[in-house]
Amino acid sequence: MILKVRELMVIIVLPYSLMKEREEQQLKKAFGDRIRKIRKDRDLSQETLALICGLDRTYIGGVERGERNLSLINIYKISKALRVPAKELFDD
């Protein structure tokens, strides 16, 4: 946002981190739903996926329920375990 006051331009930067909590929850839920769908298409249990990834089963469950905000490393681990490119986890 740019605000002009008495010929002085003031630039106000609103950080992306101010995303509304509801939007964050929707994003995490959609991502988790996508992982669940791919996992089920591969006929894998949460436990099997977790073992392949080297992550805890409860972590995978939390991801699928939209309760976790994944790190880039964990996204990579999950994509490798599901044998899909990481970008596919973001596709609808």
PDB file of N, CA and C in Angstrom:
ATOM      1  N   MET A   1       0.851  -1.155   0.000  1.00  0.00           N
ATOM      2  CA  MET A   1       0.000   0.000   0.000  1.00  0.00           C
ATOM      3  C   MET A   1       0.905   1.229   0.000  1.00  0.00           C
ATOM      4  N   ILE A   2       0.521   2.200  -0.800  1.00  0.00           N
ATOM      5  CA  ILE A   2       1.271   3.458  -0.851  1.00  0.00           C
ATOM      6  C   ILE A   2       0.351   4.570  -0.381  1.00  0.00           C
ATOM      7  N   LEU A   3       0.849   5.338   0.556  1.00  0.00           N
ATOM      8  CA  LEU A   3       0.093   6.444   1.131  1.00  0.00           C
ATOM      9  C   LEU A   3       0.862   7.720   0.828  1.00  0.00           C
ATOM     10  N   LYS A   4       0.185   8.726   0.262  1.00  0.00           N
ATOM     11  CA  LYS A   4       0.851   9.994  -0.058  1.00  0.00           C
ATOM     12  C   LYS A   4       0.363  11.063   0.911  1.00  0.00           C
ATOM     13  N   VAL A   5       1.296  11.610   1.665  1.00  0.00           N
ATOM     14  CA  VAL A   5       0.972  12.627   2.657  1.00  0.00           C
ATOM     15  C   VAL A   5       1.853  13.841   2.388  1.00  0.00           C
ATOM     16  N   ARG A   6       1.233  14.981   2.058  1.00  0.00           N
ATOM     17  CA  ARG A   6       1.966  16.238   1.802  1.00  0.00           C
ATOM     18  C   ARG A   6       3.152  16.020   0.877  1.00  0.00           C
ATOM     19  N   GLU A   7       2.872  15.443  -0.249  1.00  0.00           N
ATOM     20  CA  GLU A   7       3.886  15.190  -1.279  1.00  0.00           C
ATOM     21  C   GLU A   7       4.969  14.202  -0.855  1.00  0.00           C
ATOM     22  N   LEU A   8       4.812  13.614   0.290  1.00  0.00           N
ATOM     23  CA  LEU A   8       5.765  12.603   0.753  1.00  0.00           C
ATOM     24  C   LEU A   8       5.095  11.243   0.597  1.00  0.00           C
ATOM     25  N   MET A   9       5.776  10.380  -0.114  1.00  0.00           N
ATOM     26  CA  MET A   9       5.219   9.051  -0.303  1.00  0.00           C
ATOM     27  C   MET A   9       5.682   8.133   0.809  1.00  0.00           C
ATOM     28  N   VAL A  10       4.743   7.504   1.466  1.00  0.00           N
ATOM     29  CA  VAL A  10       5.043   6.564   2.528  1.00  0.00           C
ATOM     30  C   VAL A  10       4.581   5.187   2.043  1.00  0.00           C
ATOM     31  N   ILE A  11       5.500   4.257   2.012  1.00  0.00           N
ATOM     32  CA  ILE A  11       5.165   2.913   1.566  1.00  0.00           C
ATOM     33  C   ILE A  11       4.969   2.039   2.789  1.00  0.00           C
ATOM     34  N   ILE A  12       3.793   1.475   2.872  1.00  0.00           N
ATOM     35  CA  ILE A  12       3.476   0.585   3.981  1.00  0.00           C
ATOM     36  C   ILE A  12       3.487  -0.837   3.440  1.00  0.00           C
ATOM     37  N   VAL A  13       4.354  -1.648   3.984  1.00  0.00           N
ATOM     38  CA  VAL A  13       4.460  -3.031   3.549  1.00  0.00           C
ATOM     39  C   VAL A  13       3.738  -3.913   4.558  1.00  0.00           C
ATOM     40  N   LEU A  14       2.747  -4.600   4.068  1.00  0.00           N
ATOM     41  CA  LEU A  14       2.026  -5.530   4.918  1.00  0.00           C
ATOM     42  C   LEU A  14       2.609  -6.920   4.688  1.00  0.00           C
ATOM     43  N   PRO A  15       3.194  -7.504   5.704  1.00  0.00           N
ATOM     44  CA  PRO A  15       3.833  -8.802   5.522  1.00  0.00           C
ATOM     45  C   PRO A  15       2.835  -9.887   5.165  1.00  0.00           C
ATOM     46  N   TYR A  16       3.297 -10.811   4.339  1.00  0.00           N
ATOM     47  CA  TYR A  16       2.477 -11.941   3.928  1.00  0.00           C
ATOM     48  C   TYR A  16       2.034 -12.760   5.134  1.00  0.00           C
ATOM     49  N   SER A  17       2.814 -12.695   6.197  1.00  0.00           N
ATOM     50  CA  SER A  17       2.509 -13.486   7.386  1.00  0.00           C
ATOM     51  C   SER A  17       1.225 -13.035   8.079  1.00  0.00           C
ATOM     52  N   LEU A  18       0.638 -11.943   7.609  1.00  0.00           N
ATOM     53  CA  LEU A  18      -0.611 -11.493   8.191  1.00  0.00           C
ATOM     54  C   LEU A  18      -1.820 -12.178   7.550  1.00  0.00           C
ATOM     55  N   MET A  19      -1.561 -13.304   6.870  1.00  0.00           N
ATOM     56  CA  MET A  19      -2.652 -14.065   6.278  1.00  0.00           C
ATOM     57  C   MET A  19      -3.653 -14.396   7.375  1.00  0.00           C
ATOM     58  N   LYS A  20      -4.889 -14.273   7.051  1.00  0.00           N
ATOM     59  CA  LYS A  20      -5.914 -14.557   8.042  1.00  0.00           C
ATOM     60  C   LYS A  20      -5.818 -16.008   8.496  1.00  0.00           C
ATOM     61  N   GLU A  21      -6.065 -16.219   9.768  1.00  0.00           N
ATOM     62  CA  GLU A  21      -5.975 -17.563  10.348  1.00  0.00           C
ATOM     63  C   GLU A  21      -6.883 -18.546   9.609  1.00  0.00           C
ATOM     64  N   ARG A  22      -8.048 -18.087   9.221  1.00  0.00           N
ATOM     65  CA  ARG A  22      -8.986 -18.952   8.494  1.00  0.00           C
ATOM     66  C   ARG A  22      -8.400 -19.400   7.159  1.00  0.00           C
ATOM     67  N   GLU A  23      -7.754 -18.470   6.451  1.00  0.00           N
ATOM     68  CA  GLU A  23      -7.126 -18.801   5.168  1.00  0.00           C
ATOM     69  C   GLU A  23      -5.994 -19.807   5.360  1.00  0.00           C
ATOM     70  N   GLU A  24      -5.211 -19.629   6.423  1.00  0.00           N
ATOM     71  CA  GLU A  24      -4.133 -20.569   6.716  1.00  0.00           C
ATOM     72  C   GLU A  24      -4.701 -21.962   6.962  1.00  0.00           C
ATOM     73  N   GLN A  25      -5.769 -22.037   7.747  1.00  0.00           N
ATOM     74  CA  GLN A  25      -6.385 -23.321   8.060  1.00  0.00           C
ATOM     75  C   GLN A  25      -6.921 -23.992   6.795  1.00  0.00           C
ATOM     76  N   GLN A  26      -7.554 -23.212   5.925  1.00  0.00           N
ATOM     77  CA  GLN A  26      -8.077 -23.763   4.670  1.00  0.00           C
ATOM     78  C   GLN A  26      -6.952 -24.300   3.793  1.00  0.00           C
ATOM     79  N   LEU A  27      -5.844 -23.581   3.744  1.00  0.00           N
ATOM     80  CA  LEU A  27      -4.703 -24.003   2.943  1.00  0.00           C
ATOM     81  C   LEU A  27      -4.116 -25.305   3.480  1.00  0.00           C
ATOM     82  N   LYS A  28      -3.922 -25.384   4.794  1.00  0.00           N
ATOM     83  CA  LYS A  28      -3.375 -26.602   5.403  1.00  0.00           C
ATOM     84  C   LYS A  28      -4.318 -27.780   5.220  1.00  0.00           C
ATOM     85  N   LYS A  29      -5.630 -27.535   5.321  1.00  0.00           N
ATOM     86  CA  LYS A  29      -6.615 -28.604   5.157  1.00  0.00           C
ATOM     87  C   LYS A  29      -6.615 -29.118   3.719  1.00  0.00           C
ATOM     88  N   ALA A  30      -6.586 -28.224   2.753  1.00  0.00           N
ATOM     89  CA  ALA A  30      -6.571 -28.627   1.337  1.00  0.00           C
ATOM     90  C   ALA A  30      -5.308 -29.427   1.026  1.00  0.00           C
ATOM     91  N   PHE A  31      -4.182 -28.999   1.579  1.00  0.00           N
ATOM     92  CA  PHE A  31      -2.913 -29.705   1.367  1.00  0.00           C
ATOM     93  C   PHE A  31      -2.993 -31.101   1.991  1.00  0.00           C
ATOM     94  N   GLY A  32      -3.517 -31.190   3.190  1.00  0.00           N
ATOM     95  CA  GLY A  32      -3.665 -32.485   3.856  1.00  0.00           C
ATOM     96  C   GLY A  32      -4.617 -33.409   3.121  1.00  0.00           C
ATOM     97  N   ASP A  33      -5.699 -32.852   2.604  1.00  0.00           N
ATOM     98  CA  ASP A  33      -6.642 -33.656   1.822  1.00  0.00           C
ATOM     99  C   ASP A  33      -5.963 -34.235   0.585  1.00  0.00           C
ATOM    100  N   ARG A  34      -5.125 -33.426  -0.031  1.00  0.00           N
ATOM    101  CA  ARG A  34      -4.403 -33.881  -1.240  1.00  0.00           C
ATOM    102  C   ARG A  34      -3.454 -35.028  -0.889  1.00  0.00           C
ATOM    103  N   ILE A  35      -2.725 -34.897   0.208  1.00  0.00           N
ATOM    104  CA  ILE A  35      -1.817 -35.968   0.629  1.00  0.00           C
ATOM    105  C   ILE A  35      -2.605 -37.239   0.933  1.00  0.00           C
ATOM    106  N   ARG A  36      -3.720 -37.103   1.643  1.00  0.00           N
ATOM    107  CA  ARG A  36      -4.558 -38.271   1.960  1.00  0.00           C
ATOM    108  C   ARG A  36      -5.033 -38.972   0.693  1.00  0.00           C
ATOM    109  N   LYS A  37      -5.489 -38.192  -0.295  1.00  0.00           N
ATOM    110  CA  LYS A  37      -5.981 -38.777  -1.542  1.00  0.00           C
ATOM    111  C   LYS A  37      -4.875 -39.561  -2.248  1.00  0.00           C
ATOM    112  N   ILE A  38      -3.711 -38.950  -2.378  1.00  0.00           N
ATOM    113  CA  ILE A  38      -2.601 -39.627  -3.058  1.00  0.00           C
ATOM    114  C   ILE A  38      -2.187 -40.867  -2.280  1.00  0.00           C
ATOM    115  N   ARG A  39      -2.119 -40.750  -0.953  1.00  0.00           N
ATOM    116  CA  ARG A  39      -1.737 -41.903  -0.119  1.00  0.00           C
ATOM    117  C   ARG A  39      -2.716 -43.057  -0.315  1.00  0.00           C
ATOM    118  N   LYS A  40      -4.003 -42.746  -0.310  1.00  0.00           N
ATOM    119  CA  LYS A  40      -5.010 -43.795  -0.490  1.00  0.00           C
ATOM    120  C   LYS A  40      -4.972 -44.369  -1.903  1.00  0.00           C
ATOM    121  N   ASP A  41      -4.719 -43.514  -2.898  1.00  0.00           N
ATOM    122  CA  ASP A  41      -4.571 -44.000  -4.277  1.00  0.00           C
ATOM    123  C   ASP A  41      -3.412 -44.981  -4.398  1.00  0.00           C
ATOM    124  N   ARG A  42      -2.394 -44.792  -3.550  1.00  0.00           N
ATOM    125  CA  ARG A  42      -1.219 -45.686  -3.548  1.00  0.00           C
ATOM    126  C   ARG A  42      -1.437 -46.890  -2.621  1.00  0.00           C
ATOM    127  N   ASP A  43      -2.628 -46.939  -2.002  1.00  0.00           N
ATOM    128  CA  ASP A  43      -2.990 -48.020  -1.080  1.00  0.00           C
ATOM    129  C   ASP A  43      -1.998 -48.134   0.080  1.00  0.00           C
ATOM    130  N   LEU A  44      -1.647 -46.963   0.650  1.00  0.00           N
ATOM    131  CA  LEU A  44      -0.735 -46.915   1.787  1.00  0.00           C
ATOM    132  C   LEU A  44      -1.504 -46.495   3.040  1.00  0.00           C
ATOM    133  N   SER A  45      -1.160 -47.077   4.157  1.00  0.00           N
ATOM    134  CA  SER A  45      -1.708 -46.614   5.434  1.00  0.00           C
ATOM    135  C   SER A  45      -0.888 -45.405   5.887  1.00  0.00           C
ATOM    136  N   GLN A  46      -1.420 -44.674   6.850  1.00  0.00           N
ATOM    137  CA  GLN A  46      -0.645 -43.569   7.421  1.00  0.00           C
ATOM    138  C   GLN A  46       0.645 -44.092   8.026  1.00  0.00           C
ATOM    139  N   GLU A  47       0.564 -45.227   8.686  1.00  0.00           N
ATOM    140  CA  GLU A  47       1.741 -45.800   9.325  1.00  0.00           C
ATOM    141  C   GLU A  47       2.808 -46.174   8.303  1.00  0.00           C
ATOM    142  N   THR A  48       2.398 -46.790   7.197  1.00  0.00           N
ATOM    143  CA  THR A  48       3.360 -47.162   6.157  1.00  0.00           C
ATOM    144  C   THR A  48       4.009 -45.929   5.553  1.00  0.00           C
ATOM    145  N   LEU A  49       3.194 -44.918   5.246  1.00  0.00           N
ATOM    146  CA  LEU A  49       3.744 -43.672   4.702  1.00  0.00           C
ATOM    147  C   LEU A  49       4.735 -43.061   5.680  1.00  0.00           C
ATOM    148  N   ALA A  50       4.366 -43.036   6.947  1.00  0.00           N
ATOM    149  CA  ALA A  50       5.246 -42.471   7.976  1.00  0.00           C
ATOM    150  C   ALA A  50       6.567 -43.219   8.044  1.00  0.00           C
ATOM    151  N   LEU A  51       6.512 -44.539   7.973  1.00  0.00           N
ATOM    152  CA  LEU A  51       7.743 -45.337   8.013  1.00  0.00           C
ATOM    153  C   LEU A  51       8.637 -45.045   6.811  1.00  0.00           C
ATOM    154  N   ILE A  52       8.043 -44.939   5.634  1.00  0.00           N
ATOM    155  CA  ILE A  52       8.819 -44.643   4.421  1.00  0.00           C
ATOM    156  C   ILE A  52       9.462 -43.263   4.516  1.00  0.00           C
ATOM    157  N   CYS A  53       8.719 -42.293   5.068  1.00  0.00           N
ATOM    158  CA  CYS A  53       9.210 -40.905   5.182  1.00  0.00           C
ATOM    159  C   CYS A  53      10.203 -40.716   6.318  1.00  0.00           C
ATOM    160  N   GLY A  54      10.145 -41.594   7.299  1.00  0.00           N
ATOM    161  CA  GLY A  54      10.946 -41.369   8.496  1.00  0.00           C
ATOM    162  C   GLY A  54      10.294 -40.363   9.425  1.00  0.00           C
ATOM    163  N   LEU A  55       8.963 -40.253   9.332  1.00  0.00           N
ATOM    164  CA  LEU A  55       8.206 -39.342  10.187  1.00  0.00           C
ATOM    165  C   LEU A  55       7.281 -40.166  11.079  1.00  0.00           C
ATOM    166  N   ASP A  56       6.741 -39.538  12.099  1.00  0.00           N
ATOM    167  CA  ASP A  56       5.846 -40.225  13.008  1.00  0.00           C
ATOM    168  C   ASP A  56       4.450 -40.347  12.399  1.00  0.00           C
ATOM    169  N   ARG A  57       3.746 -41.436  12.688  1.00  0.00           N
ATOM    170  CA  ARG A  57       2.399 -41.652  12.167  1.00  0.00           C
ATOM    171  C   ARG A  57       1.454 -40.544  12.618  1.00  0.00           C
ATOM    172  N   THR A  58       1.599 -40.093  13.850  1.00  0.00           N
ATOM    173  CA  THR A  58       0.715 -39.039  14.347  1.00  0.00           C
ATOM    174  C   THR A  58       0.966 -37.717  13.611  1.00  0.00           C
ATOM    175  N   TYR A  59       2.210 -37.517  13.155  1.00  0.00           N
ATOM    176  CA  TYR A  59       2.533 -36.322  12.367  1.00  0.00           C
ATOM    177  C   TYR A  59       1.791 -36.377  11.028  1.00  0.00           C
ATOM    178  N   ILE A  60       1.825 -37.529  10.364  1.00  0.00           N
ATOM    179  CA  ILE A  60       1.129 -37.698   9.084  1.00  0.00           C
ATOM    180  C   ILE A  60      -0.377 -37.467   9.286  1.00  0.00           C
ATOM    181  N   GLY A  61      -0.927 -38.015  10.364  1.00  0.00           N
ATOM    182  CA  GLY A  61      -2.344 -37.792  10.660  1.00  0.00           C
ATOM    183  C   GLY A  61      -2.649 -36.316  10.840  1.00  0.00           C
ATOM    184  N   GLY A  62      -1.782 -35.609  11.549  1.00  0.00           N
ATOM    185  CA  GLY A  62      -1.958 -34.173  11.754  1.00  0.00           C
ATOM    186  C   GLY A  62      -1.874 -33.393  10.456  1.00  0.00           C
ATOM    187  N   VAL A  63      -0.982 -33.816   9.567  1.00  0.00           N
ATOM    188  CA  VAL A  63      -0.858 -33.175   8.255  1.00  0.00           C
ATOM    189  C   VAL A  63      -2.157 -33.359   7.481  1.00  0.00           C
ATOM    190  N   GLU A  64      -2.657 -34.584   7.449  1.00  0.00           N
ATOM    191  CA  GLU A  64      -3.867 -34.874   6.685  1.00  0.00           C
ATOM    192  C   GLU A  64      -5.096 -34.163   7.254  1.00  0.00           C
ATOM    193  N   ARG A  65      -5.113 -33.885   8.532  1.00  0.00           N
ATOM    194  CA  ARG A  65      -6.237 -33.161   9.139  1.00  0.00           C
ATOM    195  C   ARG A  65      -6.070 -31.638   9.036  1.00  0.00           C
ATOM    196  N   GLY A  66      -4.938 -31.189   8.505  1.00  0.00           N
ATOM    197  CA  GLY A  66      -4.697 -29.754   8.372  1.00  0.00           C
ATOM    198  C   GLY A  66      -4.244 -29.101   9.654  1.00  0.00           C
ATOM    199  N   GLU A  67      -3.699 -29.882  10.562  1.00  0.00           N
ATOM    200  CA  GLU A  67      -3.259 -29.350  11.855  1.00  0.00           C
ATOM    201  C   GLU A  67      -1.779 -28.961  11.856  1.00  0.00           C
ATOM    202  N   ARG A  68      -1.052 -29.354  10.844  1.00  0.00           N
ATOM    203  CA  ARG A  68       0.393 -29.119  10.805  1.00  0.00           C
ATOM    204  C   ARG A  68       0.759 -28.139   9.706  1.00  0.00           C
ATOM    205  N   ASN A  69       1.740 -27.308   9.996  1.00  0.00           N
ATOM    206  CA  ASN A  69       2.327 -26.421   9.007  1.00  0.00           C
ATOM    207  C   ASN A  69       3.682 -27.026   8.648  1.00  0.00           C
ATOM    208  N   LEU A  70       3.723 -27.732   7.535  1.00  0.00           N
ATOM    209  CA  LEU A  70       4.899 -28.528   7.164  1.00  0.00           C
ATOM    210  C   LEU A  70       6.101 -27.681   6.786  1.00  0.00           C
ATOM    211  N   SER A  71       7.269 -28.238   7.052  1.00  0.00           N
ATOM    212  CA  SER A  71       8.499 -27.620   6.576  1.00  0.00           C
ATOM    213  C   SER A  71       8.770 -28.105   5.153  1.00  0.00           C
ATOM    214  N   LEU A  72       9.602 -27.401   4.456  1.00  0.00           N
ATOM    215  CA  LEU A  72       9.984 -27.781   3.098  1.00  0.00           C
ATOM    216  C   LEU A  72      10.590 -29.185   3.081  1.00  0.00           C
ATOM    217  N   ILE A  73      11.397 -29.507   4.077  1.00  0.00           N
ATOM    218  CA  ILE A  73      12.040 -30.817   4.148  1.00  0.00           C
ATOM    219  C   ILE A  73      11.000 -31.921   4.279  1.00  0.00           C
ATOM    220  N   ASN A  74       9.994 -31.719   5.113  1.00  0.00           N
ATOM    221  CA  ASN A  74       8.966 -32.748   5.285  1.00  0.00           C
ATOM    222  C   ASN A  74       8.076 -32.875   4.051  1.00  0.00           C
ATOM    223  N   ILE A  75       7.820 -31.773   3.352  1.00  0.00           N
ATOM    224  CA  ILE A  75       7.092 -31.852   2.085  1.00  0.00           C
ATOM    225  C   ILE A  75       7.886 -32.707   1.105  1.00  0.00           C
ATOM    226  N   TYR A  76       9.179 -32.482   1.050  1.00  0.00           N
ATOM    227  CA  TYR A  76      10.045 -33.261   0.165  1.00  0.00           C
ATOM    228  C   TYR A  76      10.018 -34.743   0.542  1.00  0.00           C
ATOM    229  N   LYS A  77      10.134 -35.055   1.823  1.00  0.00           N
ATOM    230  CA  LYS A  77      10.112 -36.451   2.271  1.00  0.00           C
ATOM    231  C   LYS A  77       8.807 -37.135   1.882  1.00  0.00           C
ATOM    232  N   ILE A  78       7.694 -36.449   2.096  1.00  0.00           N
ATOM    233  CA  ILE A  78       6.388 -37.024   1.778  1.00  0.00           C
ATOM    234  C   ILE A  78       6.247 -37.226   0.269  1.00  0.00           C
ATOM    235  N   SER A  79       6.679 -36.251  -0.510  1.00  0.00           N
ATOM    236  CA  SER A  79       6.561 -36.387  -1.971  1.00  0.00           C
ATOM    237  C   SER A  79       7.396 -37.561  -2.480  1.00  0.00           C
ATOM    238  N   LYS A  80       8.587 -37.747  -1.922  1.00  0.00           N
ATOM    239  CA  LYS A  80       9.430 -38.885  -2.323  1.00  0.00           C
ATOM    240  C   LYS A  80       8.785 -40.203  -1.923  1.00  0.00           C
ATOM    241  N   ALA A  81       8.217 -40.257  -0.730  1.00  0.00           N
ATOM    242  CA  ALA A  81       7.576 -41.487  -0.258  1.00  0.00           C
ATOM    243  C   ALA A  81       6.359 -41.842  -1.109  1.00  0.00           C
ATOM    244  N   LEU A  82       5.634 -40.823  -1.581  1.00  0.00           N
ATOM    245  CA  LEU A  82       4.460 -41.056  -2.419  1.00  0.00           C
ATOM    246  C   LEU A  82       4.832 -41.208  -3.892  1.00  0.00           C
ATOM    247  N   ARG A  83       6.104 -40.975  -4.199  1.00  0.00           N
ATOM    248  CA  ARG A  83       6.633 -41.062  -5.561  1.00  0.00           C
ATOM    249  C   ARG A  83       5.916 -40.106  -6.517  1.00  0.00           C
ATOM    250  N   VAL A  84       5.766 -38.873  -6.055  1.00  0.00           N
ATOM    251  CA  VAL A  84       5.193 -37.812  -6.886  1.00  0.00           C
ATOM    252  C   VAL A  84       6.070 -36.574  -6.743  1.00  0.00           C
ATOM    253  N   PRO A  85       6.115 -35.734  -7.761  1.00  0.00           N
ATOM    254  CA  PRO A  85       6.843 -34.467  -7.604  1.00  0.00           C
ATOM    255  C   PRO A  85       6.171 -33.625  -6.514  1.00  0.00           C
ATOM    256  N   ALA A  86       6.950 -32.896  -5.757  1.00  0.00           N
ATOM    257  CA  ALA A  86       6.396 -32.082  -4.669  1.00  0.00           C
ATOM    258  C   ALA A  86       5.307 -31.145  -5.171  1.00  0.00           C
ATOM    259  N   LYS A  87       5.460 -30.624  -6.376  1.00  0.00           N
ATOM    260  CA  LYS A  87       4.443 -29.693  -6.894  1.00  0.00           C
ATOM    261  C   LYS A  87       3.087 -30.356  -7.038  1.00  0.00           C
ATOM    262  N   GLU A  88       3.048 -31.676  -7.233  1.00  0.00           N
ATOM    263  CA  GLU A  88       1.766 -32.380  -7.353  1.00  0.00           C
ATOM    264  C   GLU A  88       0.976 -32.344  -6.050  1.00  0.00           C
ATOM    265  N   LEU A  89       1.667 -32.194  -4.928  1.00  0.00           N
ATOM    266  CA  LEU A  89       0.975 -32.115  -3.638  1.00  0.00           C
ATOM    267  C   LEU A  89       0.175 -30.822  -3.522  1.00  0.00           C
ATOM    268  N   PHE A  90       0.501 -29.842  -4.358  1.00  0.00           N
ATOM    269  CA  PHE A  90      -0.177 -28.555  -4.306  1.00  0.00           C
ATOM    270  C   PHE A  90      -1.277 -28.440  -5.342  1.00  0.00           C
ATOM    271  N   ASP A  91      -1.348 -29.370  -6.289  1.00  0.00           N
ATOM    272  CA  ASP A  91      -2.361 -29.336  -7.342  1.00  0.00           C
ATOM    273  C   ASP A  91      -3.709 -29.770  -6.797  1.00  0.00           C
ATOM    274  N   ASP A  92      -4.754 -29.242  -7.396  1.00  0.00           N
ATOM    275  CA  ASP A  92      -6.116 -29.640  -6.995  1.00  0.00           C
ATOM    276  C   ASP A  92      -6.485 -30.945  -7.659  1.00  0.00           C
TER     277      ASP A  92
END
